[in-house]
Amino acid sequence: MIIVVFGLPGSGKTYFSEHLAAEINAVHLNTDKIRIKYNKQGQYDEKSKQYVYDMLKQEMVKALQHSNEVIVDGTFYKHSKRIQFIEKAQEQQQSIQFIEIKANENIIKQRLKNRDGISDADYKVYQQIKCMFEPLESPHLELWSDDTINTMVKKAKAYIYE
């Protein structure tokens, strides 16, 4: 199974994904870590972004050889990026689930201000992506990261395994 965790910068995607991966013994892959691994930090032109998502797909396919569940996390703010992973899941004969992580804008602003992680995203990037964000129209789970992490993981497990 492939679980795509997506949402705006600062929403809590990676924090949630790390906890969910630990809980269900899944491999966790992240666009920020892929960007670093392939020396694409600070490169956000369309060609570089597509390269990162292509490498994420490759890493996902490799991980599926060793694990029943793989979590990929990134903004996935464009429908075209999500479709690529749906198609790859079909090629791999894997089910795919989408979980959108949301947060209040004031919380996001505070998180991005205090960010010391591997992501380059700041509040300006958040605002740009928010304007371009294409909602996922198909059924998926929406979680708010102002909930406790345990509650979020519990809801995700119920959704994934229902």
Protein backbone atom coordinates (compact mmCIF):
# COMPACT_ATOMS: atom_id res chain seq x y z
CA MET A 1 0.00 0.00 0.00
CA ILE A 2 1.10 3.53 -0.79
CA ILE A 3 0.01 6.33 1.51
CA VAL A 4 0.42 9.86 0.16
CA VAL A 5 0.48 12.49 2.90
CA PHE A 6 0.07 15.94 1.41
CA GLY A 7 -0.72 19.52 2.33
CA LEU A 8 0.69 23.00 2.56
CA PRO A 9 4.14 23.77 4.00
CA GLY A 10 4.08 23.90 7.80
CA SER A 11 0.90 21.86 8.10
CA GLY A 12 2.66 19.02 9.94
CA LYS A 13 2.93 16.45 7.14
CA THR A 14 6.36 15.13 8.02
CA TYR A 15 5.79 15.03 11.77
CA PHE A 16 2.58 13.08 11.19
CA SER A 17 4.18 10.82 8.55
CA GLU A 18 7.07 9.90 10.84
CA HIS A 19 4.67 8.91 13.62
CA LEU A 20 2.35 6.98 11.31
CA ALA A 21 5.31 5.16 9.73
CA ALA A 22 6.58 4.10 13.15
CA GLU A 23 3.11 2.93 14.18
CA ILE A 24 2.43 0.80 11.09
CA ASN A 25 6.04 -0.18 10.34
CA ALA A 26 6.08 1.61 6.98
CA VAL A 27 8.92 3.14 5.00
CA HIS A 28 8.71 6.94 5.09
CA LEU A 29 9.90 8.97 2.10
CA ASN A 30 9.86 12.74 1.97
CA THR A 31 10.37 15.28 -0.83
CA ASP A 32 12.71 17.42 1.31
CA LYS A 33 15.01 14.47 2.01
CA ILE A 34 14.93 13.46 -1.66
CA ARG A 35 15.80 17.05 -2.63
CA ILE A 36 18.85 16.90 -0.34
CA LYS A 37 19.88 13.40 -1.46
CA TYR A 38 19.92 14.49 -5.11
CA ASN A 39 21.44 17.96 -4.49
CA LYS A 40 18.35 19.93 -5.48
CA GLN A 41 18.16 22.22 -2.42
CA GLY A 42 16.92 25.67 -3.32
CA GLN A 43 15.94 24.57 -6.83
CA TYR A 44 12.21 25.00 -7.31
CA ASP A 45 11.82 25.49 -11.04
CA GLU A 46 9.36 23.05 -12.63
CA LYS A 47 12.12 20.82 -14.03
CA SER A 48 13.79 20.46 -10.61
CA LYS A 49 10.46 19.85 -8.85
CA GLN A 50 9.57 17.15 -11.37
CA TYR A 51 13.00 15.57 -10.90
CA VAL A 52 12.39 15.39 -7.14
CA TYR A 53 8.99 13.73 -7.65
CA ASP A 54 10.51 11.32 -10.21
CA MET A 55 13.20 10.31 -7.71
CA LEU A 56 10.53 9.99 -5.02
CA LYS A 57 8.64 7.55 -7.27
CA GLN A 58 11.83 5.55 -7.88
CA GLU A 59 12.58 5.37 -4.15
CA MET A 60 8.97 4.38 -3.50
CA VAL A 61 9.15 1.48 -5.96
CA LYS A 62 12.40 0.28 -4.34
CA ALA A 63 10.86 0.54 -0.88
CA LEU A 64 7.82 -1.49 -1.97
CA GLN A 65 10.17 -4.42 -2.62
CA HIS A 66 11.01 -4.51 1.10
CA SER A 67 7.88 -3.21 2.80
CA ASN A 68 4.15 -3.69 2.52
CA GLU A 69 3.51 -0.02 3.21
CA VAL A 70 5.25 3.11 2.04
CA ILE A 71 4.39 6.64 3.08
CA VAL A 72 5.37 9.46 0.74
CA ASP A 73 5.04 12.99 2.03
CA GLY A 74 5.22 16.27 0.20
CA THR A 75 3.00 19.17 -0.76
CA PHE A 76 1.54 17.36 -3.81
CA TYR A 77 -0.27 20.65 -4.41
CA LYS A 78 -0.84 19.95 -8.11
CA HIS A 79 -3.27 17.37 -9.43
CA SER A 80 -0.67 16.34 -12.04
CA LYS A 81 1.76 15.22 -9.32
CA ARG A 82 -0.90 13.13 -7.56
CA ILE A 83 -1.89 11.47 -10.84
CA GLN A 84 1.72 10.35 -11.40
CA PHE A 85 1.65 8.47 -8.10
CA ILE A 86 -1.78 6.98 -8.77
CA GLU A 87 -0.48 5.67 -12.10
CA LYS A 88 2.70 4.33 -10.46
CA ALA A 89 0.60 2.59 -7.79
CA GLN A 90 -1.46 0.93 -10.53
CA GLU A 91 1.72 -0.16 -12.34
CA GLN A 92 2.97 -1.70 -9.10
CA GLN A 93 -0.45 -3.24 -8.39
CA GLN A 94 -0.63 -1.36 -5.11
CA SER A 95 -3.52 0.39 -3.46
CA ILE A 96 -3.05 4.08 -2.77
CA GLN A 97 -4.57 6.24 -0.04
CA PHE A 98 -4.37 10.02 0.31
CA ILE A 99 -4.25 11.85 3.63
CA GLU A 100 -4.35 15.64 3.63
CA ILE A 101 -2.85 17.43 6.61
CA LYS A 102 -4.27 20.84 7.41
CA ALA A 103 -3.57 23.48 10.04
CA ASN A 104 -4.78 26.92 10.98
CA GLU A 105 -2.79 29.61 9.14
CA ASN A 106 -1.62 31.20 12.41
CA ILE A 107 -0.18 27.85 13.50
CA ILE A 108 1.51 27.40 10.13
CA LYS A 109 2.99 30.89 10.30
CA GLN A 110 4.44 30.15 13.76
CA ARG A 111 5.80 26.76 12.68
CA LEU A 112 7.49 28.18 9.61
CA LYS A 113 8.99 31.00 11.66
CA ASN A 114 10.51 28.51 14.13
CA ARG A 115 11.44 25.88 11.55
CA ASP A 116 14.87 24.33 11.93
CA GLY A 117 14.31 21.20 9.87
CA ILE A 118 15.43 20.24 6.40
CA SER A 119 12.73 22.13 4.49
CA ASP A 120 13.44 25.41 2.72
CA ALA A 121 9.80 26.50 2.94
CA ASP A 122 9.06 29.72 4.75
CA TYR A 123 5.85 31.75 5.03
CA LYS A 124 6.38 33.33 1.60
CA VAL A 125 6.63 29.86 0.02
CA TYR A 126 3.53 28.80 1.96
CA GLN A 127 1.58 31.75 0.53
CA GLN A 128 2.72 30.98 -3.03
CA ILE A 129 1.78 27.31 -2.79
CA LYS A 130 -1.53 28.13 -1.09
CA CYS A 131 -2.51 30.25 -4.12
CA MET A 132 -1.66 27.41 -6.52
CA PHE A 133 -3.01 24.52 -4.41
CA GLU A 134 -5.40 22.29 -6.35
CA PRO A 135 -7.84 20.52 -4.01
CA LEU A 136 -8.09 16.75 -4.21
CA GLU A 137 -11.63 16.03 -5.36
CA SER A 138 -11.61 12.26 -4.80
CA PRO A 139 -12.36 10.78 -1.37
CA HIS A 140 -9.48 11.10 1.07
CA LEU A 141 -8.85 11.62 4.76
CA GLU A 142 -8.42 15.17 6.06
CA LEU A 143 -6.65 15.59 9.38
CA TRP A 144 -6.05 18.80 11.32
CA SER A 145 -2.65 18.93 12.98
CA ASP A 146 -3.97 20.89 15.93
CA ASP A 147 -5.29 17.50 17.06
CA THR A 148 -2.96 15.31 19.11
CA ILE A 149 -0.57 13.12 17.13
CA ASN A 150 -2.03 10.00 18.76
CA THR A 151 -5.54 10.97 17.65
CA MET A 152 -4.31 11.72 14.13
CA VAL A 153 -2.53 8.37 13.86
CA LYS A 154 -5.57 6.54 15.23
CA LYS A 155 -7.86 8.22 12.66
CA ALA A 156 -5.38 7.46 9.87
CA LYS A 157 -5.13 3.80 10.80
CA ALA A 158 -8.92 3.47 10.89
CA TYR A 159 -9.14 5.10 7.45
CA ILE A 160 -6.29 3.11 5.89
CA TYR A 161 -7.42 -0.28 7.15
CA GLU A 162 -11.20 0.15 6.91
